[in-house]
Amino acid sequence: MKDAKVVTKITGKEVAATFPQALDEDVVFRYLVEITDGGKVITAFRKFSQFYLGSETPKELTVPFSGLPADKELKTQITAIDSYNNSSLPIISEAFSIGTQP
């Protein structure tokens, strides 16, 4: 996932992180998707790669988040994990903020 990029879309109080599927000698089984504030994990989600659904694996995955703190400099961090529990180096989004919401 070295050259991969995380696209963070902000809509009101919701954030959607979209990222390309990683490649692995075995198979990427799942992803750990974390929202961080200064390196501290605010929330995390495990997303399956969907390789097992009997069809072509999607080229990109999207994970929605809501309830994030306002006016914080947040980043999305994605780590690929294969079926042997080996982890990739994470890819990290540009910093973003959801701003103060009424």
Protein backbone atom coordinates (compact mmCIF):
# COMPACT_ATOMS: atom_id res chain seq x y z
CA MET A 1 0.00 0.00 0.00
CA LYS A 2 3.10 2.16 -0.27
CA ASP A 3 1.84 4.62 -2.92
CA ALA A 4 -1.83 4.32 -2.01
CA LYS A 5 -3.80 7.32 -0.84
CA VAL A 6 -6.71 7.66 1.56
CA VAL A 7 -9.47 9.96 0.37
CA THR A 8 -11.44 11.50 3.23
CA LYS A 9 -14.82 12.96 2.34
CA ILE A 10 -16.56 15.13 4.94
CA THR A 11 -20.33 15.60 4.78
CA GLY A 12 -21.74 17.51 7.74
CA LYS A 13 -20.82 15.48 10.82
CA GLU A 14 -19.94 12.33 8.87
CA VAL A 15 -16.60 11.28 7.41
CA ALA A 16 -16.05 8.60 4.77
CA ALA A 17 -12.56 7.16 4.25
CA THR A 18 -12.01 5.55 0.83
CA PHE A 19 -8.86 3.59 0.03
CA PRO A 20 -7.61 1.13 -2.62
CA GLN A 21 -7.32 -2.58 -1.87
CA ALA A 22 -3.79 -3.71 -1.01
CA LEU A 23 -1.86 -6.51 -2.71
CA ASP A 24 -0.34 -9.40 -0.78
CA GLU A 25 1.47 -12.66 -1.66
CA ASP A 26 -1.29 -14.49 0.20
CA VAL A 27 -4.53 -12.53 0.44
CA VAL A 28 -5.49 -9.37 2.30
CA PHE A 29 -8.10 -10.58 4.76
CA ARG A 30 -9.08 -7.34 6.49
CA TYR A 31 -8.13 -3.73 7.18
CA LEU A 32 -7.79 -1.85 10.42
CA VAL A 33 -9.18 1.64 9.81
CA GLU A 34 -8.40 4.14 12.57
CA ILE A 35 -9.20 7.81 13.08
CA THR A 36 -6.44 9.47 15.07
CA ASP A 37 -5.88 12.80 16.80
CA GLY A 38 -2.18 13.53 17.27
CA GLY A 39 -1.37 9.81 17.10
CA LYS A 40 -4.05 8.88 19.65
CA VAL A 41 -6.73 6.53 18.27
CA ILE A 42 -10.18 8.15 18.56
CA THR A 43 -12.11 5.30 16.94
CA ALA A 44 -11.33 2.17 14.94
CA PHE A 45 -13.16 -0.20 12.61
CA ARG A 46 -12.20 -3.53 11.05
CA LYS A 47 -13.26 -3.86 7.42
CA PHE A 48 -13.11 -7.19 5.60
CA SER A 49 -11.53 -7.09 2.13
CA GLN A 50 -14.48 -9.01 0.62
CA PHE A 51 -12.19 -11.45 -1.27
CA TYR A 52 -14.33 -14.35 -0.05
CA LEU A 53 -17.69 -13.30 -1.52
CA GLY A 54 -17.30 -15.41 -4.67
CA SER A 55 -16.98 -12.44 -6.98
CA GLU A 56 -14.33 -9.97 -7.98
CA THR A 57 -12.84 -8.11 -5.02
CA PRO A 58 -13.75 -4.40 -5.14
CA LYS A 59 -10.87 -2.11 -6.14
CA GLU A 60 -11.70 0.35 -3.35
CA LEU A 61 -13.36 0.19 0.04
CA THR A 62 -15.13 2.93 1.97
CA VAL A 63 -15.64 3.12 5.73
CA PRO A 64 -18.04 5.73 7.18
CA PHE A 65 -17.51 7.35 10.58
CA SER A 66 -19.74 9.66 12.61
CA GLY A 67 -19.64 11.17 16.08
CA LEU A 68 -16.07 12.41 15.71
CA PRO A 69 -14.86 15.34 17.81
CA ALA A 70 -15.24 18.77 16.21
CA ASP A 71 -12.36 21.18 15.63
CA LYS A 72 -9.66 18.53 16.01
CA GLU A 73 -6.93 17.80 13.47
CA LEU A 74 -7.77 14.20 12.60
CA LYS A 75 -6.16 11.66 10.28
CA THR A 76 -7.32 8.32 8.90
CA GLN A 77 -4.83 5.45 9.17
CA ILE A 78 -5.33 2.20 7.21
CA THR A 79 -3.41 -1.03 7.88
CA ALA A 80 -3.85 -4.14 5.71
CA ILE A 81 -3.79 -7.50 7.50
CA ASP A 82 -3.40 -10.81 5.64
CA SER A 83 -4.85 -14.19 6.56
CA TYR A 84 -1.71 -15.03 8.58
CA ASN A 85 -2.16 -11.85 10.67
CA ASN A 86 0.81 -10.06 9.07
CA SER A 87 0.30 -6.29 8.96
CA SER A 88 1.35 -3.79 6.31
CA LEU A 89 2.82 -0.41 7.03
CA PRO A 90 -0.14 1.94 7.40
CA ILE A 91 -1.19 4.56 4.89
CA ILE A 92 -2.25 7.83 6.47
CA SER A 93 -4.55 10.52 5.12
CA GLU A 94 -3.92 14.23 5.07
CA ALA A 95 -5.15 15.97 8.22
CA PHE A 96 -8.80 17.02 8.25
CA SER A 97 -11.31 18.57 10.63
CA ILE A 98 -15.08 18.30 10.72
CA GLY A 99 -15.35 21.80 12.25
CA THR A 100 -17.88 22.98 14.76
CA GLN A 101 -21.34 21.73 13.88
CA PRO A 102 -24.52 23.40 15.15
